[in-house]
Amino acid sequence: GLLVGEEELTNYVLGHEFRHASRDYKQLGCNHENTAGNEFLSHPFLDVVDISPEEAPFEQNNEGSSLYNFLYPDKDLLPDDKEMTIFDHLEELRQRIFVSVLAVGAAILGCFAFSKELIVFLEAPVKAQGVRFLQLAPGEFFFTTLKVSGYCGLLLGSPIILYEIIAFVLPGLTRAERRFLGPIVLGSSVLFYAGIAFSYLVLTPAALNFFVTYAEGVVESLWSIDQYFEFVLVLMFSTGLSFQVPVIQFLLGQLGLVSGDQMLSIWRYVVVGAVIAAAVLTPSTDPLTQMLLAAPLLGLYLGGAWVVKLTGR
């Protein structure tokens, strides 16, 4: 309603100033549509003289404004028209944050109730290789269970957080933006959980096996329980985040910043970038873990580039 064209603004101002004059002419029996030679009353600006100042802004037709037509060339792209004050927005934001915190807190408590089972599950990739875990300080295992419960609770509560974020921003999006919001959210969620599964099933066992094999016959593998889970949890979450590459590519393609052909043309630089990103994201320094992460990153990038190209971007 704030996108008022130049002509509409002039209509409103002149209508407000000459409203009483128009009524005087009408009382004298003068009709500007039927009175010839009366340039003042036949002026097109006086077409809105019967509209009060309170009603004028809501009666205006913004379709004649060049700025309005530039921002909304297709009227179907307009978002839902629902007025909310800043306090309404803040209240809605407060409620959604409260629901998100409550969901994550409940998930953390549930994970803490089964924390020992979760720890046994996360120890599985290296247990078969004869590694023993030690508690090197008082309370180390307790704080480790809190850390594992926190990570797992955040992971389980993330769909609720994502839902609340989408519900908050969706009314402000146009219909065109909503059409590709669904694929982005779904693809991002699937890729994140796929990255965590890949880390648990492939990346973590390979990295830990490298460390055990390298030290075999020289030292006995007695690992700190806290440092082990610090390594595993960071590796899993960093892998899940790195799997978001196709989502970023899709966004860039939809915005028209980069085309699919341009993405494919720089594949040599992407290879180097994938190796560097793998070295930064993995908590270990062994080359095997870095290569195992760099390979899927490169594959995801090439797949994302082809998706952008197939969508015509």
Protein backbone atom coordinates (compact mmCIF):
# COMPACT_ATOMS: atom_id res chain seq x y z
CA GLY A 1 0.00 0.00 0.00
CA LEU A 2 3.02 2.30 0.25
CA LEU A 3 3.91 2.00 -3.44
CA VAL A 4 1.98 5.08 -4.59
CA GLY A 5 2.72 6.45 -8.05
CA GLU A 6 3.38 10.11 -8.81
CA GLU A 7 0.02 10.61 -10.47
CA GLU A 8 -1.88 8.88 -7.64
CA LEU A 9 -0.14 11.01 -5.01
CA THR A 10 -1.08 14.16 -6.93
CA ASN A 11 -4.67 12.94 -7.18
CA TYR A 12 -4.88 12.51 -3.45
CA VAL A 13 -3.34 15.91 -2.60
CA LEU A 14 -5.46 17.89 -5.07
CA GLY A 15 -8.56 15.97 -4.08
CA HIS A 16 -7.99 16.90 -0.45
CA GLU A 17 -7.44 20.59 -1.24
CA PHE A 18 -10.34 21.07 -3.64
CA ARG A 19 -12.90 18.81 -1.98
CA HIS A 20 -14.90 21.71 -0.52
CA ALA A 21 -14.69 23.72 -3.76
CA SER A 22 -16.11 20.79 -5.68
CA ARG A 23 -19.04 20.50 -3.31
CA ASP A 24 -19.79 24.23 -3.74
CA TYR A 25 -19.89 23.82 -7.50
CA LYS A 26 -22.18 20.83 -7.19
CA GLN A 27 -24.56 22.76 -4.95
CA LEU A 28 -24.83 25.37 -7.73
CA GLY A 29 -25.89 22.64 -10.15
CA CYS A 30 -22.60 22.51 -11.98
CA ASN A 31 -21.45 19.07 -13.04
CA HIS A 32 -17.90 18.91 -14.34
CA GLU A 33 -18.79 16.01 -16.63
CA ASN A 34 -21.60 17.99 -18.33
CA THR A 35 -20.33 21.58 -18.11
CA ALA A 36 -18.46 22.58 -21.24
CA GLY A 37 -15.63 25.06 -21.12
CA ASN A 38 -15.03 24.70 -17.41
CA GLU A 39 -11.36 23.68 -17.43
CA PHE A 40 -11.09 23.67 -13.68
CA LEU A 41 -13.91 21.20 -13.14
CA SER A 42 -12.98 19.06 -16.14
CA HIS A 43 -9.45 18.54 -14.86
CA PRO A 44 -8.80 14.80 -14.50
CA PHE A 45 -7.29 15.35 -11.05
CA LEU A 46 -10.76 16.13 -9.72
CA ASP A 47 -12.01 12.61 -10.46
CA VAL A 48 -11.35 11.72 -6.81
CA VAL A 49 -12.78 14.85 -5.18
CA ASP A 50 -15.58 12.88 -3.52
CA ILE A 51 -13.10 10.63 -1.69
CA SER A 52 -12.25 11.66 1.84
CA PRO A 53 -8.60 11.88 2.90
CA GLU A 54 -9.10 8.82 5.10
CA GLU A 55 -10.43 6.73 2.21
CA ALA A 56 -8.20 7.99 -0.58
CA PRO A 57 -5.09 5.88 0.11
CA PHE A 58 -7.18 2.69 0.05
CA GLU A 59 -9.07 3.57 -3.13
CA GLN A 60 -6.00 4.26 -5.22
CA ASN A 61 -5.03 2.00 -8.07
CA ASN A 62 -1.27 1.55 -8.04
CA GLU A 63 -1.17 -0.31 -11.32
CA GLY A 64 -0.41 2.95 -13.12
CA SER A 65 2.77 3.53 -11.16
CA SER A 66 5.98 2.71 -13.03
CA LEU A 67 7.71 1.80 -9.77
CA TYR A 68 4.85 -0.50 -8.80
CA ASN A 69 4.88 -2.23 -12.18
CA PHE A 70 8.67 -2.59 -12.02
CA LEU A 71 8.59 -4.30 -8.62
CA TYR A 72 5.53 -6.42 -9.35
CA PRO A 73 5.28 -7.03 -13.12
CA ASP A 74 3.05 -10.03 -12.44
CA LYS A 75 0.28 -9.33 -9.95
CA ASP A 76 0.22 -13.04 -9.00
CA LEU A 77 3.63 -12.52 -7.43
CA LEU A 78 2.19 -10.31 -4.72
CA PRO A 79 2.39 -11.74 -1.18
CA ASP A 80 -0.65 -12.15 1.01
CA ASP A 81 -1.88 -8.75 2.21
CA LYS A 82 -2.09 -9.04 5.98
CA GLU A 83 -1.19 -6.05 8.09
CA MET A 84 0.70 -6.61 11.35
CA THR A 85 2.30 -4.09 13.65
CA ILE A 86 5.91 -4.38 14.76
CA PHE A 87 4.68 -5.56 18.15
CA ASP A 88 2.63 -8.32 16.49
CA HIS A 89 5.75 -9.48 14.65
CA LEU A 90 7.82 -9.43 17.83
CA GLU A 91 5.14 -11.37 19.71
CA GLU A 92 4.98 -13.98 16.97
CA LEU A 93 8.78 -14.22 16.93
CA ARG A 94 8.84 -14.67 20.70
CA GLN A 95 6.30 -17.47 20.54
CA ARG A 96 8.14 -19.29 17.78
CA ILE A 97 11.48 -19.01 19.59
CA PHE A 98 9.81 -20.36 22.72
CA VAL A 99 8.39 -23.35 20.82
CA SER A 100 11.79 -24.05 19.24
CA VAL A 101 13.63 -23.88 22.56
CA LEU A 102 10.99 -26.07 24.18
CA ALA A 103 11.27 -28.68 21.41
CA VAL A 104 15.07 -28.77 21.56
CA GLY A 105 15.01 -28.93 25.36
CA ALA A 106 12.59 -31.86 25.30
CA ALA A 107 14.75 -33.63 22.72
CA ILE A 108 17.89 -33.09 24.83
CA LEU A 109 16.17 -34.51 27.92
CA GLY A 110 15.01 -37.51 25.93
CA CYS A 111 18.50 -38.10 24.56
CA PHE A 112 20.02 -37.74 28.04
CA ALA A 113 17.71 -40.49 29.29
CA PHE A 114 19.27 -42.79 26.68
CA SER A 115 22.74 -41.22 26.70
CA LYS A 116 24.56 -44.45 27.54
CA GLU A 117 22.91 -46.24 24.62
CA LEU A 118 23.85 -43.35 22.33
CA ILE A 119 27.46 -43.47 23.49
CA VAL A 120 27.65 -47.21 22.84
CA PHE A 121 26.17 -46.61 19.38
CA LEU A 122 28.74 -43.91 18.57
CA GLU A 123 31.60 -46.06 19.85
CA ALA A 124 30.71 -48.83 17.39
CA PRO A 125 32.91 -47.61 14.48
CA VAL A 126 36.08 -48.22 16.50
CA LYS A 127 35.12 -50.78 19.15
CA ALA A 128 35.81 -53.73 16.86
CA GLN A 129 39.42 -52.60 16.46
CA GLY A 130 40.23 -53.11 20.12
CA VAL A 131 40.25 -49.46 21.19
CA ARG A 132 39.56 -48.85 24.87
CA PHE A 133 38.10 -45.64 26.27
CA LEU A 134 39.22 -44.09 29.53
CA GLN A 135 37.82 -41.48 31.90
CA LEU A 136 40.88 -39.35 32.58
CA ALA A 137 39.26 -36.86 34.97
CA PRO A 138 36.44 -36.90 37.55
CA GLY A 139 33.12 -36.29 35.87
CA GLU A 140 34.55 -36.57 32.34
CA PHE A 141 32.04 -39.24 31.33
CA PHE A 142 29.15 -37.24 32.82
CA PHE A 143 30.04 -34.12 30.85
CA THR A 144 30.53 -36.27 27.77
CA THR A 145 26.97 -37.56 28.11
CA LEU A 146 25.75 -33.97 28.35
CA LYS A 147 27.66 -33.06 25.20
CA VAL A 148 26.33 -36.05 23.27
CA SER A 149 22.78 -35.37 24.48
CA GLY A 150 23.08 -31.74 23.41
CA TYR A 151 24.26 -32.57 19.88
CA CYS A 152 21.67 -35.32 19.40
CA GLY A 153 18.87 -33.19 20.87
CA LEU A 154 19.72 -30.33 18.53
CA LEU A 155 19.74 -32.77 15.64
CA LEU A 156 16.32 -34.18 16.55
CA GLY A 157 14.84 -30.74 17.27
CA SER A 158 16.13 -29.12 14.08
CA PRO A 159 12.97 -29.98 12.05
CA ILE A 160 10.88 -28.02 14.57
CA ILE A 161 13.28 -25.09 14.38
CA LEU A 162 13.15 -25.19 10.59
CA TYR A 163 9.36 -25.31 10.62
CA GLU A 164 9.10 -22.28 12.93
CA ILE A 165 11.51 -20.28 10.79
CA ILE A 166 9.56 -21.06 7.61
CA ALA A 167 6.22 -20.27 9.26
CA PHE A 168 7.58 -16.89 10.37
CA VAL A 169 9.02 -15.74 7.03
CA LEU A 170 6.50 -17.38 4.67
CA PRO A 171 3.82 -14.63 4.79
CA GLY A 172 6.38 -12.11 3.58
CA LEU A 173 7.38 -14.13 0.53
CA THR A 174 5.87 -13.85 -2.92
CA ARG A 175 4.21 -16.80 -4.58
CA ALA A 176 7.17 -17.26 -6.90
CA GLU A 177 9.54 -17.37 -3.93
CA ARG A 178 7.34 -19.90 -2.19
CA ARG A 179 7.47 -22.23 -5.18
CA PHE A 180 11.18 -22.89 -4.84
CA LEU A 181 11.24 -22.64 -1.04
CA GLY A 182 9.89 -26.18 -0.69
CA PRO A 183 12.60 -27.86 -2.81
CA ILE A 184 15.30 -25.88 -1.02
CA VAL A 185 14.10 -26.82 2.47
CA LEU A 186 13.55 -30.47 1.56
CA GLY A 187 16.86 -30.75 -0.28
CA SER A 188 18.77 -29.06 2.52
CA SER A 189 17.30 -31.37 5.17
CA VAL A 190 17.92 -34.54 3.16
CA LEU A 191 21.49 -33.54 2.33
CA PHE A 192 22.27 -32.63 5.94
CA TYR A 193 21.11 -35.98 7.29
CA ALA A 194 22.80 -37.76 4.38
CA GLY A 195 26.06 -36.05 5.32
CA ILE A 196 25.75 -37.21 8.92
CA ALA A 197 25.01 -40.77 7.79
CA PHE A 198 27.96 -40.69 5.38
CA SER A 199 30.24 -39.49 8.16
CA TYR A 200 29.10 -42.21 10.57
CA LEU A 201 29.18 -45.08 8.06
CA VAL A 202 32.19 -44.19 5.89
CA LEU A 203 34.22 -41.19 7.01
CA THR A 204 34.54 -41.81 10.75
CA PRO A 205 35.43 -45.54 10.52
CA ALA A 206 38.02 -44.85 7.82
CA ALA A 207 39.66 -42.04 9.80
CA LEU A 208 39.73 -43.99 13.06
CA ASN A 209 41.01 -47.11 11.34
CA PHE A 210 43.86 -45.06 9.90
CA PHE A 211 44.86 -43.82 13.36
CA VAL A 212 44.68 -47.30 14.92
CA THR A 213 46.61 -48.97 12.11
CA TYR A 214 49.27 -46.29 12.09
CA ALA A 215 49.94 -46.75 15.83
CA GLU A 216 49.67 -50.55 15.77
CA GLY A 217 52.66 -52.32 17.29
CA VAL A 218 54.05 -49.12 18.80
CA VAL A 219 51.48 -47.83 21.29
CA GLU A 220 48.28 -49.21 22.76
CA SER A 221 45.12 -47.36 21.79
CA LEU A 222 43.70 -45.97 25.03
CA TRP A 223 41.61 -42.95 24.12
CA SER A 224 39.98 -40.27 26.22
CA ILE A 225 36.22 -40.60 26.02
CA ASP A 226 35.78 -36.82 25.85
CA GLN A 227 38.33 -36.25 23.07
CA TYR A 228 36.94 -39.15 21.06
CA PHE A 229 33.42 -37.73 21.02
CA GLU A 230 34.75 -34.24 20.35
CA PHE A 231 36.36 -35.65 17.21
CA VAL A 232 33.37 -37.73 16.10
CA LEU A 233 30.65 -35.12 16.70
CA VAL A 234 32.56 -32.29 15.03
CA LEU A 235 33.33 -34.52 12.03
CA MET A 236 29.70 -35.57 11.64
CA PHE A 237 28.23 -32.07 11.86
CA SER A 238 30.88 -30.52 9.60
CA THR A 239 30.17 -33.21 7.02
CA GLY A 240 26.44 -32.48 7.20
CA LEU A 241 27.09 -28.77 6.66
CA SER A 242 29.46 -29.41 3.76
CA PHE A 243 26.73 -31.39 1.99
CA GLN A 244 24.76 -28.12 1.59
CA VAL A 245 26.79 -27.19 -1.50
CA PRO A 246 24.03 -28.06 -4.03
CA VAL A 247 21.51 -25.97 -2.08
CA ILE A 248 23.78 -22.93 -2.29
CA GLN A 249 24.27 -23.53 -6.01
CA PHE A 250 20.51 -23.78 -6.56
CA LEU A 251 19.96 -20.47 -4.76
CA LEU A 252 22.64 -18.74 -6.81
CA GLY A 253 21.12 -20.12 -9.99
CA GLN A 254 17.59 -19.01 -9.07
CA LEU A 255 18.87 -15.52 -8.30
CA GLY A 256 20.56 -15.41 -11.71
CA LEU A 257 24.00 -14.72 -10.26
CA VAL A 258 25.71 -17.77 -11.76
CA SER A 259 24.63 -20.12 -14.54
CA GLY A 260 25.11 -23.87 -14.72
CA ASP A 261 27.61 -23.56 -17.57
CA GLN A 262 29.69 -21.12 -15.55
CA MET A 263 29.73 -23.54 -12.61
CA LEU A 264 30.89 -26.39 -14.82
CA SER A 265 33.57 -24.29 -16.50
CA ILE A 266 35.51 -23.76 -13.24
CA TRP A 267 35.67 -27.42 -12.19
CA ARG A 268 39.48 -27.32 -11.92
CA TYR A 269 39.30 -24.62 -9.27
CA VAL A 270 36.53 -26.54 -7.53
CA VAL A 271 38.80 -29.58 -7.16
CA VAL A 272 41.38 -27.46 -5.35
CA GLY A 273 38.67 -25.78 -3.28
CA ALA A 274 37.15 -29.14 -2.27
CA VAL A 275 40.52 -30.37 -1.01
CA ILE A 276 41.07 -27.17 0.97
CA ALA A 277 37.52 -27.26 2.39
CA ALA A 278 37.97 -30.89 3.43
CA ALA A 279 41.21 -30.00 5.20
CA VAL A 280 39.47 -27.21 7.10
CA LEU A 281 36.28 -29.10 7.97
CA THR A 282 37.85 -32.34 9.19
CA PRO A 283 39.27 -32.21 12.73
CA SER A 284 42.05 -34.64 11.80
CA THR A 285 45.08 -33.98 9.61
CA ASP A 286 45.37 -37.35 7.87
CA PRO A 287 45.10 -37.27 4.07
CA LEU A 288 42.70 -40.24 3.91
CA THR A 289 39.91 -38.43 5.77
CA GLN A 290 40.42 -35.32 3.67
CA MET A 291 40.21 -37.26 0.41
CA LEU A 292 37.11 -39.15 1.56
CA LEU A 293 35.38 -35.83 2.25
CA ALA A 294 36.73 -33.99 -0.80
CA ALA A 295 35.43 -36.64 -3.22
CA PRO A 296 31.73 -36.35 -2.27
CA LEU A 297 32.05 -32.56 -2.10
CA LEU A 298 33.26 -32.52 -5.69
CA GLY A 299 30.48 -34.91 -6.73
CA LEU A 300 27.85 -32.78 -5.01
CA TYR A 301 29.15 -29.65 -6.71
CA LEU A 302 29.04 -31.21 -10.18
CA GLY A 303 25.56 -32.60 -9.48
CA GLY A 304 24.35 -29.20 -8.30
CA ALA A 305 25.78 -27.53 -11.40
CA TRP A 306 23.89 -29.94 -13.66
CA VAL A 307 20.67 -29.36 -11.72
CA VAL A 308 21.04 -25.60 -12.20
CA LYS A 309 21.72 -26.15 -15.89
CA LEU A 310 18.70 -28.43 -16.34
CA THR A 311 16.42 -25.88 -14.68
CA GLY A 312 17.39 -23.42 -17.40
CA ARG A 313 19.37 -21.10 -15.15
